[in-house]
Amino acid sequence: MNFLVIEDSEKTAEQLRKGLAEVSINADIAGDGLKGLAMAKEKAYELIILDLMLPGIDGFEVVKRLRQAGKSTPIIMLTARDEVHDRICGLQSGADDYLVKPFSFGELCARIQALLRRGQVLQQDEVQVSDLTVNFFARKATRSGKHLELTPKEFALLSMLIRRAGEVQSRLRIAEAVWNLGFDANLKIVDVKLAGLRAKVDGPFDKKLIHTVRGVGYVLEDRDE
C-alpha cells in the first residue's frame, strides 16, 4: 500500500513513515502544501495523511483543490488545534477524518483501517498462503496455527512478500519498500534478512514457501513439490 504524508515537521513525518512501514505501508513525504498537492495529483495513493498548518498552502486548501481536481483519495487531516470550527471546516472542505495532535499511532492505524474499509479500498486485513497466515494490522503471523516471533523488519518483509504472493520481487524492490534504500545501496542486507525470515517461516516445516529466484530475487508461493 502507498500513502502520502504531507507534513512540514520532519520529525513527525519520519515517525509516521517508520510507523507505517511497520504495518507494511510505504509512505511518500511532502514537506509543504504545494508539493503535497502536486504529488497527490501525479500519483495514485490509497490514503493521504495531511497536516493542517503547512507552508505554501494550508491543509484546507490542499483538500479543496484535490477534490476540485476530481481526486477522491481518502484523507485524514492532522492538527494541533482542537477547535470545533477547525474540525468542521476540515470535513466540509473534503477531508474524511480528523485527528488532533498528539495522538497515538494505534489510534491512527484504527482510523486508517476503518476509513479504508468504509471506502472499500482496503487490501485484505489478513492473507493466507498454504498454512501461513498474516494479519497486517494486528501484526501477527502464524504457520500451522503456531505464532511466529518476528522482528518489525521481518514482519514488514513477510508482509510485502505475501501481499504479492506468486510475484517475484527483486532485491532492489524489497530494499526500497522495506528499508527505503536506493539503487546504490548494499543489497546484501536483503539476503541476510531473508535468511533469518526463512529460518522462522520455513525452517520448522516440511513445505517451503519462500523461494530464491536466482539472479533476480525472492518469491513467496505455495509450490507443489
Protein backbone atom coordinates (compact mmCIF):
# COMPACT_ATOMS: atom_id res chain seq x y z
CA MET A 1 0.00 0.00 0.00
CA ASN A 2 1.20 3.52 -0.76
CA PHE A 3 0.29 6.53 1.37
CA LEU A 4 1.23 10.19 1.08
CA VAL A 5 2.16 12.11 4.23
CA ILE A 6 2.01 15.90 3.85
CA GLU A 7 3.66 17.24 6.99
CA ASP A 8 6.14 20.09 7.44
CA SER A 9 7.66 18.72 10.66
CA GLU A 10 10.49 16.45 9.55
CA LYS A 11 10.45 14.63 12.89
CA THR A 12 6.71 13.93 12.75
CA ALA A 13 6.85 12.92 9.09
CA GLU A 14 9.70 10.49 9.73
CA GLN A 15 7.91 8.99 12.73
CA LEU A 16 4.83 8.45 10.60
CA ARG A 17 6.86 6.94 7.77
CA LYS A 18 8.59 4.50 10.12
CA GLY A 19 5.37 3.60 11.90
CA LEU A 20 3.55 2.93 8.65
CA ALA A 21 6.45 0.83 7.39
CA GLU A 22 6.00 -1.42 10.41
CA VAL A 23 2.49 -2.26 9.18
CA SER A 24 3.70 -2.77 5.60
CA ILE A 25 2.64 0.63 4.26
CA ASN A 26 5.04 2.63 2.11
CA ALA A 27 4.80 6.39 2.64
CA ASP A 28 5.99 9.24 0.43
CA ILE A 29 6.68 12.52 2.24
CA ALA A 30 5.92 16.10 1.20
CA GLY A 31 7.04 18.99 3.40
CA ASP A 32 4.70 21.71 2.16
CA GLY A 33 1.21 22.09 0.77
CA LEU A 34 2.09 22.84 -2.83
CA LYS A 35 4.48 19.91 -3.17
CA GLY A 36 2.00 17.60 -1.48
CA LEU A 37 -0.77 18.75 -3.81
CA ALA A 38 1.39 18.10 -6.86
CA MET A 39 2.38 14.63 -5.64
CA ALA A 40 -1.23 13.72 -4.82
CA LYS A 41 -2.31 14.72 -8.33
CA GLU A 42 0.50 12.86 -10.07
CA LYS A 43 0.38 9.52 -8.24
CA ALA A 44 -2.44 7.27 -7.08
CA TYR A 45 -2.29 6.83 -3.30
CA GLU A 46 -4.55 4.67 -1.16
CA LEU A 47 -4.69 7.37 1.54
CA ILE A 48 -3.31 10.81 2.38
CA ILE A 49 -2.31 11.94 5.87
CA LEU A 50 -2.44 15.73 5.77
CA ASP A 51 -1.30 18.30 8.32
CA LEU A 52 -3.49 21.39 8.59
CA MET A 53 -0.81 24.03 9.15
CA LEU A 54 1.55 23.91 6.18
CA PRO A 55 3.82 26.34 4.34
CA GLY A 56 2.75 27.29 0.84
CA ILE A 57 -0.93 26.44 1.12
CA ASP A 58 -2.63 25.00 4.20
CA GLY A 59 -4.36 21.67 4.54
CA PHE A 60 -7.81 23.12 3.89
CA GLU A 61 -6.67 24.41 0.51
CA VAL A 62 -4.91 21.16 -0.37
CA VAL A 63 -8.11 19.19 0.24
CA LYS A 64 -10.22 21.71 -1.63
CA ARG A 65 -8.01 21.64 -4.73
CA LEU A 66 -7.74 17.86 -4.74
CA ARG A 67 -11.50 17.46 -4.61
CA GLN A 68 -11.93 20.07 -7.33
CA ALA A 69 -9.49 18.07 -9.44
CA GLY A 70 -11.68 15.00 -9.02
CA LYS A 71 -9.38 13.17 -6.62
CA SER A 72 -11.39 11.05 -4.18
CA THR A 73 -8.40 9.68 -2.24
CA PRO A 74 -9.32 9.23 1.46
CA ILE A 75 -7.74 11.98 3.59
CA ILE A 76 -7.04 12.07 7.31
CA MET A 77 -6.30 15.61 8.49
CA LEU A 78 -3.89 16.17 11.39
CA THR A 79 -3.78 19.31 13.50
CA ALA A 80 -2.62 20.59 16.87
CA ARG A 81 -5.78 22.73 17.01
CA ASP A 82 -8.77 21.16 18.71
CA GLU A 83 -11.33 23.79 17.81
CA VAL A 84 -14.73 22.52 16.69
CA HIS A 85 -14.74 25.12 13.92
CA ASP A 86 -11.48 23.74 12.50
CA ARG A 87 -12.80 20.19 12.53
CA ILE A 88 -15.98 21.28 10.76
CA CYS A 89 -14.01 23.26 8.16
CA GLY A 90 -11.70 20.32 7.55
CA LEU A 91 -14.55 17.90 6.99
CA GLN A 92 -16.54 20.37 4.92
CA SER A 93 -13.53 21.02 2.70
CA GLY A 94 -13.46 17.33 1.79
CA ALA A 95 -11.36 15.57 4.43
CA ASP A 96 -12.67 12.16 5.53
CA ASP A 97 -11.42 12.13 9.12
CA TYR A 98 -9.75 14.46 11.61
CA LEU A 99 -7.15 13.60 14.26
CA VAL A 100 -5.84 16.03 16.87
CA LYS A 101 -2.16 16.03 17.85
CA PRO A 102 -0.75 14.48 19.92
CA PHE A 103 -2.26 11.14 19.01
CA SER A 104 -1.31 7.51 19.46
CA PHE A 105 -0.12 5.60 16.43
CA GLY A 106 -2.52 2.82 17.37
CA GLU A 107 -5.46 5.22 17.06
CA LEU A 108 -4.20 6.41 13.68
CA CYS A 109 -3.99 2.80 12.45
CA ALA A 110 -7.52 2.11 13.67
CA ARG A 111 -8.82 5.18 11.86
CA ILE A 112 -6.94 4.22 8.69
CA GLN A 113 -8.41 0.75 8.83
CA ALA A 114 -11.95 2.00 9.38
CA LEU A 115 -11.67 4.69 6.72
CA LEU A 116 -10.31 2.44 4.01
CA ARG A 117 -12.89 -0.21 4.79
CA ARG A 118 -15.60 2.40 4.50
CA GLY A 119 -14.27 3.36 1.09
CA GLN A 120 -13.94 -0.31 0.13
CA VAL A 121 -10.35 0.17 -0.99
CA LEU A 122 -8.60 -1.62 1.83
CA GLN A 123 -6.48 -4.55 0.88
CA GLN A 124 -7.27 -7.62 2.93
CA ASP A 125 -6.51 -7.34 6.63
CA GLU A 126 -5.44 -10.97 6.53
CA VAL A 127 -3.85 -13.05 3.80
CA GLN A 128 -3.23 -16.79 3.82
CA VAL A 129 -0.91 -18.84 1.64
CA SER A 130 -0.96 -22.55 2.39
CA ASP A 131 -0.80 -22.78 6.21
CA LEU A 132 0.84 -19.36 6.60
CA THR A 133 -1.45 -16.54 7.74
CA VAL A 134 -0.51 -12.86 8.14
CA ASN A 135 -2.78 -10.27 9.75
CA PHE A 136 -1.36 -6.88 8.81
CA PHE A 137 -2.98 -4.51 11.28
CA ALA A 138 -2.75 -6.97 14.18
CA ARG A 139 0.89 -7.51 13.14
CA LYS A 140 0.53 -11.24 13.68
CA ALA A 141 1.84 -14.14 11.63
CA THR A 142 1.12 -17.82 12.17
CA ARG A 143 2.11 -21.04 10.47
CA SER A 144 0.00 -24.15 11.03
CA GLY A 145 -1.61 -22.22 13.88
CA LYS A 146 1.73 -21.55 15.58
CA HIS A 147 2.68 -17.92 16.29
CA LEU A 148 5.82 -16.72 14.52
CA GLU A 149 8.07 -14.46 16.58
CA LEU A 150 9.15 -11.86 14.03
CA THR A 151 11.05 -8.61 14.38
CA PRO A 152 9.35 -5.49 12.96
CA LYS A 153 11.52 -5.63 9.83
CA GLU A 154 10.92 -9.34 9.38
CA PHE A 155 7.18 -8.75 9.64
CA ALA A 156 7.37 -5.91 7.09
CA LEU A 157 9.38 -8.14 4.78
CA LEU A 158 6.97 -11.07 5.13
CA SER A 159 4.01 -8.75 4.61
CA MET A 160 5.45 -7.44 1.38
CA LEU A 161 6.09 -10.94 0.05
CA ILE A 162 2.70 -12.38 0.99
CA ARG A 163 0.78 -9.37 -0.37
CA ARG A 164 2.47 -10.14 -3.68
CA ALA A 165 2.41 -13.92 -3.40
CA GLY A 166 3.43 -15.56 -6.65
CA GLU A 167 5.20 -12.42 -7.90
CA VAL A 168 8.99 -12.41 -7.95
CA GLN A 169 10.37 -9.45 -6.00
CA SER A 170 13.81 -8.14 -6.89
CA ARG A 171 16.30 -7.35 -4.14
CA LEU A 172 16.16 -3.69 -5.10
CA ARG A 173 12.38 -3.55 -4.87
CA ILE A 174 12.48 -5.23 -1.47
CA ALA A 175 15.16 -2.84 -0.25
CA GLU A 176 13.18 0.18 -1.41
CA ALA A 177 9.92 -1.00 0.17
CA VAL A 178 11.23 -2.30 3.49
CA TRP A 179 14.32 -0.20 4.18
CA ASN A 180 13.71 2.80 1.90
CA LEU A 181 17.10 2.17 0.27
CA GLY A 182 18.03 3.30 -3.22
CA PHE A 183 19.70 1.60 -6.16
CA ASP A 184 23.19 2.42 -4.88
CA ALA A 185 22.68 0.71 -1.51
CA ASN A 186 24.33 -2.51 -0.39
CA LEU A 187 21.62 -5.07 -1.08
CA LYS A 188 23.28 -7.81 0.99
CA ILE A 189 21.01 -6.76 3.84
CA VAL A 190 18.10 -8.22 1.87
CA ASP A 191 19.77 -11.64 1.64
CA VAL A 192 20.72 -11.58 5.32
CA LYS A 193 17.20 -10.66 6.49
CA LEU A 194 15.58 -13.14 4.10
CA ALA A 195 17.74 -15.91 5.52
CA GLY A 196 16.55 -15.03 9.03
CA LEU A 197 12.94 -14.83 7.93
CA ARG A 198 13.09 -18.17 6.12
CA ALA A 199 14.52 -19.82 9.22
CA LYS A 200 11.39 -18.80 11.12
CA VAL A 201 8.76 -19.20 8.41
CA ASP A 202 10.08 -22.31 6.64
CA GLY A 203 12.72 -23.81 8.93
CA PRO A 204 10.45 -25.90 11.20
CA PHE A 205 8.16 -27.02 8.36
CA ASP A 206 8.50 -29.54 5.54
CA LYS A 207 6.81 -27.34 2.93
CA LYS A 208 8.87 -24.31 1.97
CA LEU A 209 7.03 -21.14 0.95
CA ILE A 210 9.82 -18.58 0.41
CA HIS A 211 11.89 -19.34 -2.67
CA THR A 212 15.00 -17.83 -4.24
CA VAL A 213 14.86 -16.91 -7.90
CA ARG A 214 18.50 -16.92 -8.90
CA GLY A 215 19.80 -13.68 -10.28
CA VAL A 216 16.50 -11.91 -9.61
CA GLY A 217 15.23 -12.03 -6.04
CA TYR A 218 12.61 -13.87 -4.00
CA VAL A 219 9.03 -15.07 -4.20
CA LEU A 220 6.55 -16.40 -1.65
CA GLU A 221 4.27 -19.04 -3.10
CA ASP A 222 2.79 -22.46 -2.45
CA ARG A 223 4.58 -24.78 -4.83
CA ASP A 224 3.61 -28.37 -5.45
CA GLU A 225 6.62 -30.45 -4.63
